[in-house]
Amino acid sequence: MTATLVSEWTKLRTQRGALIAVASMCVLMVGLTALAASESHTDAVFRGDDDVVQIGLAGAVFAALAAVVVGASAMTSEYSTGMIRTTLTATQSRPRVLAAKAAVVAALSFPLALAASAAAFLVAQSLLHERGYVAPAYPAVPITDPDAARAVVGTALLLTAYCLIALGIATALRHAGSSIAAGIGLVFVPLLMLGVFPEHVRERVVQATPLAGMAVQSTTGRMLNAFADVHGMPIGPWQGLGVAYAWALGSLVVGYLFLRRRDA
C-alpha cells in the first residue's frame, strides 16, 4: 500500500490540470468570499440576524466547482493518456488503486482548502466590519470562536468531500467532460433549483443531497443562498457534513464496482 500511495502521489503532484484546479479552488474560495463580503451591507445597530461566519465562507459555493475538477482529473487523466493500463498492471489490487487515489486527493485538497478557508474568513471579517457589521449588533468573531472554527474546518472537509465524490464519478464514467459535468450537476444543481421547490420539498433536497454539507457553515440556523429564499437549515452542521461524506463513500463504491468489472 505504501508503494501504491507513493506512486499515486507522484502522479497527482505532476498533473498540471489537477494542480491548476487546486489553485483555482483556493483562489475562488478567497476571492469570491472577499467579493461577497465587500458587497454585503447592514444598518443594524442593536440586533442583527445575518450570519457573518457564513458570509465569511461564501466562496465555498464556487470553490466546489474547482473541487469537482480536482477529483475528476485524478482519474480521468490516466484514462486519457492510457496510463491506467500501466497502473492496473503494476498494482494488481484495484481496490488498493482507488483507495490510494482517494487518500492522495484528500491529502492534497484538505490542507489547501483549510488554508484558503481560514484566509477567506479573516479577509471577510475585516471587510464586513467596514460594511457596518460592528458591535453591538455584530460583535467581532475571531477565528478561534468554536462556531467559527467549526465552520472553517468544516468547509475544508466539505470541499474535500466534493473532490472524493468527483473521483468516484470519474472512476465510473472515465471521460473528463462527462465526469466533471455529472459532478457539478450533483453538487451545484440542487442549489440552483432550490427556489423552484415549495418549502417542504426544499427541506428534503437539502437533507438528501451533497448540499447538506453547507450546513456546517451555519452558526445561526440560516442558509446563505443567492438563488433562493432559504431561512433555515433543516439539518445540523455535522449531520449535513455526514450526508456529504455518505455521498462520497457511495460514489467511490460505485466507481470501484465499475473499475472491477471493466477492462482498462
C-alpha atoms as a PDB file:
ATOM      1  CA  MET A   1       0.000   0.000   0.000  1.00  0.00           C
ATOM      2  CA  THR A   2       2.881   2.358   0.778  1.00  0.00           C
ATOM      3  CA  ALA A   3       4.325   1.898  -2.697  1.00  0.00           C
ATOM      4  CA  THR A   4       0.913   2.494  -4.251  1.00  0.00           C
ATOM      5  CA  LEU A   5       0.427   5.670  -2.222  1.00  0.00           C
ATOM      6  CA  VAL A   6       3.838   6.983  -3.281  1.00  0.00           C
ATOM      7  CA  SER A   7       3.068   6.177  -6.910  1.00  0.00           C
ATOM      8  CA  GLU A   8      -0.337   7.897  -6.821  1.00  0.00           C
ATOM      9  CA  TRP A   9       1.084  10.924  -5.031  1.00  0.00           C
ATOM     10  CA  THR A  10       3.810  11.264  -7.654  1.00  0.00           C
ATOM     11  CA  LYS A  11       1.247  11.114 -10.447  1.00  0.00           C
ATOM     12  CA  LEU A  12      -1.104  13.602  -8.805  1.00  0.00           C
ATOM     13  CA  ARG A  13       1.509  16.224  -7.972  1.00  0.00           C
ATOM     14  CA  THR A  14       2.829  16.124 -11.547  1.00  0.00           C
ATOM     15  CA  GLN A  15      -0.587  16.538 -13.181  1.00  0.00           C
ATOM     16  CA  ARG A  16      -0.806  20.126 -14.360  1.00  0.00           C
ATOM     17  CA  GLY A  17      -4.590  20.022 -14.630  1.00  0.00           C
ATOM     18  CA  ALA A  18      -5.054  18.835 -11.049  1.00  0.00           C
ATOM     19  CA  LEU A  19      -2.640  21.433  -9.675  1.00  0.00           C
ATOM     20  CA  ILE A  20      -4.341  24.239 -11.603  1.00  0.00           C
ATOM     21  CA  ALA A  21      -7.713  23.047 -10.311  1.00  0.00           C
ATOM     22  CA  VAL A  22      -6.458  23.018  -6.699  1.00  0.00           C
ATOM     23  CA  ALA A  23      -5.028  26.514  -7.099  1.00  0.00           C
ATOM     24  CA  SER A  24      -8.329  27.652  -8.644  1.00  0.00           C
ATOM     25  CA  MET A  25     -10.248  26.185  -5.712  1.00  0.00           C
ATOM     26  CA  CYS A  26      -8.172  28.253  -3.281  1.00  0.00           C
ATOM     27  CA  VAL A  27      -8.402  31.433  -5.366  1.00  0.00           C
ATOM     28  CA  LEU A  28     -12.167  31.084  -5.757  1.00  0.00           C
ATOM     29  CA  MET A  29     -12.576  30.427  -2.055  1.00  0.00           C
ATOM     30  CA  VAL A  30     -10.714  33.566  -1.021  1.00  0.00           C
ATOM     31  CA  GLY A  31     -11.593  35.846  -3.947  1.00  0.00           C
ATOM     32  CA  LEU A  32     -15.328  35.261  -4.088  1.00  0.00           C
ATOM     33  CA  THR A  33     -15.677  35.311  -0.316  1.00  0.00           C
ATOM     34  CA  ALA A  34     -13.987  38.722  -0.332  1.00  0.00           C
ATOM     35  CA  LEU A  35     -16.333  39.845  -3.108  1.00  0.00           C
ATOM     36  CA  ALA A  36     -19.411  38.671  -1.203  1.00  0.00           C
ATOM     37  CA  ALA A  37     -18.230  40.400   1.962  1.00  0.00           C
ATOM     38  CA  SER A  38     -17.424  43.637   0.154  1.00  0.00           C
ATOM     39  CA  GLU A  39     -20.925  43.689  -1.372  1.00  0.00           C
ATOM     40  CA  SER A  40     -22.705  42.960   1.920  1.00  0.00           C
ATOM     41  CA  HIS A  41     -24.168  45.764   3.983  1.00  0.00           C
ATOM     42  CA  THR A  42     -26.124  46.177   7.172  1.00  0.00           C
ATOM     43  CA  ASP A  43     -27.509  49.127   9.078  1.00  0.00           C
ATOM     44  CA  ALA A  44     -28.437  47.088  12.124  1.00  0.00           C
ATOM     45  CA  VAL A  45     -27.425  48.771  15.362  1.00  0.00           C
ATOM     46  CA  PHE A  46     -28.587  46.641  18.273  1.00  0.00           C
ATOM     47  CA  ARG A  47     -29.550  43.284  16.813  1.00  0.00           C
ATOM     48  CA  GLY A  48     -28.637  41.636  13.549  1.00  0.00           C
ATOM     49  CA  ASP A  49     -29.598  38.265  12.123  1.00  0.00           C
ATOM     50  CA  ASP A  50     -27.057  37.897   9.311  1.00  0.00           C
ATOM     51  CA  ASP A  51     -24.616  35.016   9.710  1.00  0.00           C
ATOM     52  CA  VAL A  52     -21.245  36.749   9.454  1.00  0.00           C
ATOM     53  CA  VAL A  53     -19.424  33.428   9.704  1.00  0.00           C
ATOM     54  CA  GLN A  54     -21.291  32.006   6.745  1.00  0.00           C
ATOM     55  CA  ILE A  55     -20.807  35.197   4.734  1.00  0.00           C
ATOM     56  CA  GLY A  56     -17.114  34.858   5.563  1.00  0.00           C
ATOM     57  CA  LEU A  57     -17.045  31.489   3.785  1.00  0.00           C
ATOM     58  CA  ALA A  58     -19.410  32.244   0.894  1.00  0.00           C
ATOM     59  CA  GLY A  59     -16.785  31.435  -1.735  1.00  0.00           C
ATOM     60  CA  ALA A  60     -17.149  27.727  -0.952  1.00  0.00           C
ATOM     61  CA  VAL A  61     -20.143  27.561  -3.306  1.00  0.00           C
ATOM     62  CA  PHE A  62     -17.912  28.340  -6.283  1.00  0.00           C
ATOM     63  CA  ALA A  63     -14.767  26.671  -4.935  1.00  0.00           C
ATOM     64  CA  ALA A  64     -16.840  23.481  -5.054  1.00  0.00           C
ATOM     65  CA  LEU A  65     -16.768  23.671  -8.857  1.00  0.00           C
ATOM     66  CA  ALA A  66     -12.969  23.564  -8.862  1.00  0.00           C
ATOM     67  CA  ALA A  67     -13.041  20.786  -6.250  1.00  0.00           C
ATOM     68  CA  VAL A  68     -15.024  18.642  -8.690  1.00  0.00           C
ATOM     69  CA  VAL A  69     -12.329  19.159 -11.320  1.00  0.00           C
ATOM     70  CA  VAL A  70      -9.620  18.181  -8.822  1.00  0.00           C
ATOM     71  CA  GLY A  71     -11.270  14.866  -8.025  1.00  0.00           C
ATOM     72  CA  ALA A  72     -12.232  14.039 -11.597  1.00  0.00           C
ATOM     73  CA  SER A  73      -8.812  14.817 -13.085  1.00  0.00           C
ATOM     74  CA  ALA A  74      -7.091  12.444 -10.673  1.00  0.00           C
ATOM     75  CA  MET A  75      -8.715   9.539 -12.527  1.00  0.00           C
ATOM     76  CA  THR A  76      -9.642  10.771 -15.999  1.00  0.00           C
ATOM     77  CA  SER A  77      -6.094  11.921 -16.779  1.00  0.00           C
ATOM     78  CA  GLU A  78      -4.971   8.304 -16.607  1.00  0.00           C
ATOM     79  CA  TYR A  79      -7.682   7.151 -18.966  1.00  0.00           C
ATOM     80  CA  SER A  80      -6.968   9.937 -21.455  1.00  0.00           C
ATOM     81  CA  THR A  81      -3.269   9.018 -21.649  1.00  0.00           C
ATOM     82  CA  GLY A  82      -3.668   5.251 -21.329  1.00  0.00           C
ATOM     83  CA  MET A  83      -1.619   5.292 -18.127  1.00  0.00           C
ATOM     84  CA  ILE A  84      -4.399   3.434 -16.349  1.00  0.00           C
ATOM     85  CA  ARG A  85      -3.331   0.192 -18.032  1.00  0.00           C
ATOM     86  CA  THR A  86       0.156   0.526 -16.592  1.00  0.00           C
ATOM     87  CA  THR A  87      -1.277   1.404 -13.191  1.00  0.00           C
ATOM     88  CA  LEU A  88      -3.536  -1.645 -13.049  1.00  0.00           C
ATOM     89  CA  THR A  89      -0.774  -3.919 -14.351  1.00  0.00           C
ATOM     90  CA  ALA A  90       1.712  -2.710 -11.771  1.00  0.00           C
ATOM     91  CA  THR A  91      -0.842  -2.820  -8.952  1.00  0.00           C
ATOM     92  CA  GLN A  92      -2.973  -5.928  -9.245  1.00  0.00           C
ATOM     93  CA  SER A  93      -5.373  -4.883  -6.489  1.00  0.00           C
ATOM     94  CA  ARG A  94      -7.898  -2.459  -7.950  1.00  0.00           C
ATOM     95  CA  PRO A  95      -9.395  -1.539  -4.555  1.00  0.00           C
ATOM     96  CA  ARG A  96      -5.902  -0.525  -3.473  1.00  0.00           C
ATOM     97  CA  VAL A  97      -5.505   1.732  -6.501  1.00  0.00           C
ATOM     98  CA  LEU A  98      -8.769   3.539  -5.864  1.00  0.00           C
ATOM     99  CA  ALA A  99      -8.144   3.780  -2.108  1.00  0.00           C
ATOM    100  CA  ALA A 100      -4.698   5.259  -2.755  1.00  0.00           C
ATOM    101  CA  LYS A 101      -6.113   7.793  -5.215  1.00  0.00           C
ATOM    102  CA  ALA A 102      -8.765   8.819  -2.693  1.00  0.00           C
ATOM    103  CA  ALA A 103      -6.142   9.182   0.033  1.00  0.00           C
ATOM    104  CA  VAL A 104      -3.793  11.371  -2.004  1.00  0.00           C
ATOM    105  CA  VAL A 105      -6.647  13.514  -3.344  1.00  0.00           C
ATOM    106  CA  ALA A 106      -7.776  14.125   0.241  1.00  0.00           C
ATOM    107  CA  ALA A 107      -4.189  14.720   1.407  1.00  0.00           C
ATOM    108  CA  LEU A 108      -3.711  17.368  -1.289  1.00  0.00           C
ATOM    109  CA  SER A 109      -7.089  19.081  -1.134  1.00  0.00           C
ATOM    110  CA  PHE A 110      -7.824  19.240   2.599  1.00  0.00           C
ATOM    111  CA  PRO A 111      -4.844  21.268   3.893  1.00  0.00           C
ATOM    112  CA  LEU A 112      -5.019  23.700   0.976  1.00  0.00           C
ATOM    113  CA  ALA A 113      -8.785  24.068   1.370  1.00  0.00           C
ATOM    114  CA  LEU A 114      -8.277  24.644   5.100  1.00  0.00           C
ATOM    115  CA  ALA A 115      -5.694  27.363   4.482  1.00  0.00           C
ATOM    116  CA  ALA A 116      -7.936  29.012   1.870  1.00  0.00           C
ATOM    117  CA  SER A 117     -10.978  28.842   4.169  1.00  0.00           C
ATOM    118  CA  ALA A 118      -9.060  30.398   7.048  1.00  0.00           C
ATOM    119  CA  ALA A 119      -7.700  33.162   4.802  1.00  0.00           C
ATOM    120  CA  ALA A 120     -11.155  33.814   3.348  1.00  0.00           C
ATOM    121  CA  PHE A 121     -12.701  34.073   6.795  1.00  0.00           C
ATOM    122  CA  LEU A 122     -10.083  36.508   8.081  1.00  0.00           C
ATOM    123  CA  VAL A 123     -10.283  38.719   4.991  1.00  0.00           C
ATOM    124  CA  ALA A 124     -14.079  38.699   5.045  1.00  0.00           C
ATOM    125  CA  GLN A 125     -14.375  39.668   8.710  1.00  0.00           C
ATOM    126  CA  SER A 126     -12.288  42.776   8.085  1.00  0.00           C
ATOM    127  CA  LEU A 127     -14.390  43.715   5.055  1.00  0.00           C
ATOM    128  CA  LEU A 128     -17.646  43.085   6.893  1.00  0.00           C
ATOM    129  CA  HIS A 129     -16.531  45.373   9.678  1.00  0.00           C
ATOM    130  CA  GLU A 130     -16.034  48.135   7.115  1.00  0.00           C
ATOM    131  CA  ARG A 131     -19.524  47.462   5.710  1.00  0.00           C
ATOM    132  CA  GLY A 132     -21.293  48.114   9.003  1.00  0.00           C
ATOM    133  CA  TYR A 133     -21.127  44.713  10.700  1.00  0.00           C
ATOM    134  CA  VAL A 134     -19.982  46.086  14.042  1.00  0.00           C
ATOM    135  CA  ALA A 135     -20.915  45.756  17.708  1.00  0.00           C
ATOM    136  CA  PRO A 136     -23.331  45.666  19.393  1.00  0.00           C
ATOM    137  CA  ALA A 137     -25.395  44.093  16.600  1.00  0.00           C
ATOM    138  CA  TYR A 138     -22.427  42.186  15.232  1.00  0.00           C
ATOM    139  CA  PRO A 139     -19.611  41.721  17.743  1.00  0.00           C
ATOM    140  CA  ALA A 140     -16.264  40.656  16.300  1.00  0.00           C
ATOM    141  CA  VAL A 141     -15.992  36.907  15.677  1.00  0.00           C
ATOM    142  CA  PRO A 142     -12.421  35.596  15.954  1.00  0.00           C
ATOM    143  CA  ILE A 143     -11.396  32.502  14.041  1.00  0.00           C
ATOM    144  CA  THR A 144     -10.816  30.786  17.400  1.00  0.00           C
ATOM    145  CA  ASP A 145     -14.509  31.078  18.248  1.00  0.00           C
ATOM    146  CA  PRO A 146     -15.853  27.495  18.447  1.00  0.00           C
ATOM    147  CA  ASP A 147     -18.582  28.043  15.857  1.00  0.00           C
ATOM    148  CA  ALA A 148     -16.234  29.894  13.504  1.00  0.00           C
ATOM    149  CA  ALA A 149     -13.522  27.242  13.857  1.00  0.00           C
ATOM    150  CA  ARG A 150     -16.065  24.516  13.166  1.00  0.00           C
ATOM    151  CA  ALA A 151     -17.278  26.343  10.074  1.00  0.00           C
ATOM    152  CA  VAL A 152     -13.756  26.916   8.726  1.00  0.00           C
ATOM    153  CA  VAL A 153     -12.607  23.329   9.271  1.00  0.00           C
ATOM    154  CA  GLY A 154     -15.960  22.002   8.099  1.00  0.00           C
ATOM    155  CA  THR A 155     -15.748  23.975   4.870  1.00  0.00           C
ATOM    156  CA  ALA A 156     -12.362  22.397   4.120  1.00  0.00           C
ATOM    157  CA  LEU A 157     -13.796  18.965   4.863  1.00  0.00           C
ATOM    158  CA  LEU A 158     -16.775  19.701   2.624  1.00  0.00           C
ATOM    159  CA  LEU A 159     -14.599  20.700  -0.335  1.00  0.00           C
ATOM    160  CA  THR A 160     -12.585  17.511   0.211  1.00  0.00           C
ATOM    161  CA  ALA A 161     -15.824  15.503   0.147  1.00  0.00           C
ATOM    162  CA  TYR A 162     -16.724  17.087  -3.197  1.00  0.00           C
ATOM    163  CA  CYS A 163     -13.296  16.079  -4.543  1.00  0.00           C
ATOM    164  CA  LEU A 164     -13.963  12.476  -3.489  1.00  0.00           C
ATOM    165  CA  ILE A 165     -17.463  12.482  -4.973  1.00  0.00           C
ATOM    166  CA  ALA A 166     -15.987  13.560  -8.306  1.00  0.00           C
ATOM    167  CA  LEU A 167     -13.250  10.916  -8.060  1.00  0.00           C
ATOM    168  CA  GLY A 168     -15.866   8.179  -7.698  1.00  0.00           C
ATOM    169  CA  ILE A 169     -17.912   9.549 -10.587  1.00  0.00           C
ATOM    170  CA  ALA A 170     -14.806   9.771 -12.804  1.00  0.00           C
ATOM    171  CA  THR A 171     -13.875   6.184 -11.962  1.00  0.00           C
ATOM    172  CA  ALA A 172     -17.274   5.088 -13.249  1.00  0.00           C
ATOM    173  CA  LEU A 173     -17.528   7.358 -16.303  1.00  0.00           C
ATOM    174  CA  ARG A 174     -13.817   7.610 -17.284  1.00  0.00           C
ATOM    175  CA  HIS A 175     -14.316  10.622 -19.540  1.00  0.00           C
ATOM    176  CA  ALA A 176     -13.246  14.044 -18.208  1.00  0.00           C
ATOM    177  CA  GLY A 177     -16.075  16.101 -19.680  1.00  0.00           C
ATOM    178  CA  SER A 178     -18.905  13.829 -18.620  1.00  0.00           C
ATOM    179  CA  SER A 179     -17.382  13.258 -15.172  1.00  0.00           C
ATOM    180  CA  ILE A 180     -16.991  16.972 -14.455  1.00  0.00           C
ATOM    181  CA  ALA A 181     -20.478  17.710 -15.789  1.00  0.00           C
ATOM    182  CA  ALA A 182     -22.008  14.967 -13.636  1.00  0.00           C
ATOM    183  CA  GLY A 183     -20.080  16.091 -10.565  1.00  0.00           C
ATOM    184  CA  ILE A 184     -21.073  19.737 -10.989  1.00  0.00           C
ATOM    185  CA  GLY A 185     -24.655  18.695 -11.611  1.00  0.00           C
ATOM    186  CA  LEU A 186     -24.762  16.660  -8.409  1.00  0.00           C
ATOM    187  CA  VAL A 187     -23.094  19.310  -6.267  1.00  0.00           C
ATOM    188  CA  PHE A 188     -24.357  22.563  -7.769  1.00  0.00           C
ATOM    189  CA  VAL A 189     -27.712  21.994  -9.475  1.00  0.00           C
ATOM    190  CA  PRO A 190     -29.633  21.340  -6.205  1.00  0.00           C
ATOM    191  CA  LEU A 191     -28.509  24.771  -5.010  1.00  0.00           C
ATOM    192  CA  LEU A 192     -29.654  26.423  -8.228  1.00  0.00           C
ATOM    193  CA  MET A 193     -33.015  24.665  -8.133  1.00  0.00           C
ATOM    194  CA  LEU A 194     -33.955  25.399  -4.522  1.00  0.00           C
ATOM    195  CA  GLY A 195     -36.029  28.408  -5.488  1.00  0.00           C
ATOM    196  CA  VAL A 196     -38.204  26.220  -7.724  1.00  0.00           C
ATOM    197  CA  PHE A 197     -39.381  23.901  -4.960  1.00  0.00           C
ATOM    198  CA  PRO A 198     -42.000  24.505  -2.256  1.00  0.00           C
ATOM    199  CA  GLU A 199     -40.700  24.665   1.300  1.00  0.00           C
ATOM    200  CA  HIS A 200     -41.329  21.027   2.263  1.00  0.00           C
ATOM    201  CA  VAL A 201     -39.621  19.720  -0.886  1.00  0.00           C
ATOM    202  CA  ARG A 202     -36.780  22.198  -0.412  1.00  0.00           C
ATOM    203  CA  GLU A 203     -36.044  20.726   3.013  1.00  0.00           C
ATOM    204  CA  ARG A 204     -35.839  17.206   1.569  1.00  0.00           C
ATOM    205  CA  VAL A 205     -33.495  18.379  -1.178  1.00  0.00           C
ATOM    206  CA  VAL A 206     -31.164  19.974   1.343  1.00  0.00           C
ATOM    207  CA  GLN A 207     -31.237  16.927   3.603  1.00  0.00           C
ATOM    208  CA  ALA A 208     -30.699  14.311   0.897  1.00  0.00           C
ATOM    209  CA  THR A 209     -28.082  15.827  -1.434  1.00  0.00           C
ATOM    210  CA  PRO A 210     -24.425  16.853  -1.009  1.00  0.00           C
ATOM    211  CA  LEU A 211     -25.787  20.376  -0.481  1.00  0.00           C
ATOM    212  CA  ALA A 212     -26.485  19.274   3.108  1.00  0.00           C
ATOM    213  CA  GLY A 213     -22.802  19.746   3.827  1.00  0.00           C
ATOM    214  CA  MET A 214     -23.253  23.520   3.593  1.00  0.00           C
ATOM    215  CA  ALA A 215     -24.967  23.310   6.997  1.00  0.00           C
ATOM    216  CA  VAL A 216     -21.518  23.070   8.578  1.00  0.00           C
ATOM    217  CA  GLN A 217     -21.044  26.779   7.815  1.00  0.00           C
ATOM    218  CA  SER A 218     -24.208  27.944   9.532  1.00  0.00           C
ATOM    219  CA  THR A 219     -23.997  29.440  13.025  1.00  0.00           C
ATOM    220  CA  THR A 220     -27.485  30.965  13.169  1.00  0.00           C
ATOM    221  CA  GLY A 221     -29.551  28.164  11.678  1.00  0.00           C
ATOM    222  CA  ARG A 222     -29.975  30.121   8.438  1.00  0.00           C
ATOM    223  CA  MET A 223     -28.698  29.273   4.988  1.00  0.00           C
ATOM    224  CA  LEU A 224     -26.966  31.865   2.839  1.00  0.00           C
ATOM    225  CA  ASN A 225     -28.221  31.324  -0.708  1.00  0.00           C
ATOM    226  CA  ALA A 226     -28.258  33.783  -3.566  1.00  0.00           C
ATOM    227  CA  PHE A 227     -30.555  31.537  -5.600  1.00  0.00           C
ATOM    228  CA  ALA A 228     -33.487  31.089  -3.233  1.00  0.00           C
ATOM    229  CA  ASP A 229     -35.059  32.496  -0.092  1.00  0.00           C
ATOM    230  CA  VAL A 230     -33.946  29.845   2.388  1.00  0.00           C
ATOM    231  CA  HIS A 231     -34.073  30.918   6.026  1.00  0.00           C
ATOM    232  CA  GLY A 232     -33.305  27.706   7.835  1.00  0.00           C
ATOM    233  CA  MET A 233     -31.136  24.640   7.577  1.00  0.00           C
ATOM    234  CA  PRO A 234     -33.248  21.517   8.116  1.00  0.00           C
ATOM    235  CA  ILE A 235     -30.186  19.539   9.223  1.00  0.00           C
ATOM    236  CA  GLY A 236     -27.431  20.006  11.784  1.00  0.00           C
ATOM    237  CA  PRO A 237     -23.872  21.043  10.865  1.00  0.00           C
ATOM    238  CA  TRP A 238     -22.128  17.721  11.415  1.00  0.00           C
ATOM    239  CA  GLN A 239     -25.102  15.681  10.212  1.00  0.00           C
ATOM    240  CA  GLY A 240     -25.063  17.677   6.980  1.00  0.00           C
ATOM    241  CA  LEU A 241     -21.353  17.081   6.555  1.00  0.00           C
ATOM    242  CA  GLY A 242     -22.009  13.398   7.204  1.00  0.00           C
ATOM    243  CA  VAL A 243     -24.502  13.350   4.327  1.00  0.00           C
ATOM    244  CA  ALA A 244     -21.862  14.814   2.007  1.00  0.00           C
ATOM    245  CA  TYR A 245     -19.371  12.121   3.038  1.00  0.00           C
ATOM    246  CA  ALA A 246     -22.018   9.433   2.633  1.00  0.00           C
ATOM    247  CA  TRP A 247     -22.333  10.607  -0.978  1.00  0.00           C
ATOM    248  CA  ALA A 248     -18.550  10.492  -1.292  1.00  0.00           C
ATOM    249  CA  LEU A 249     -18.436   6.933   0.027  1.00  0.00           C
ATOM    250  CA  GLY A 250     -21.302   5.846  -2.206  1.00  0.00           C
ATOM    251  CA  SER A 251     -19.666   7.445  -5.229  1.00  0.00           C
ATOM    252  CA  LEU A 252     -16.385   5.656  -4.560  1.00  0.00           C
ATOM    253  CA  VAL A 253     -18.167   2.319  -4.069  1.00  0.00           C
ATOM    254  CA  VAL A 254     -19.987   2.712  -7.392  1.00  0.00           C
ATOM    255  CA  GLY A 255     -16.728   3.742  -9.036  1.00  0.00           C
ATOM    256  CA  TYR A 256     -14.997   0.663  -7.658  1.00  0.00           C
ATOM    257  CA  LEU A 257     -17.739  -1.632  -8.971  1.00  0.00           C
ATOM    258  CA  PHE A 258     -17.207  -0.225 -12.468  1.00  0.00           C
ATOM    259  CA  LEU A 259     -13.427  -0.398 -12.095  1.00  0.00           C
ATOM    260  CA  ARG A 260     -13.571  -4.023 -11.014  1.00  0.00           C
ATOM    261  CA  ARG A 261     -15.880  -5.209 -13.785  1.00  0.00           C
ATOM    262  CA  ARG A 262     -14.436  -3.410 -16.799  1.00  0.00           C
ATOM    263  CA  ASP A 263     -11.136  -3.686 -18.624  1.00  0.00           C
ATOM    264  CA  ALA A 264      -8.828  -0.680 -18.630  1.00  0.00           C
END
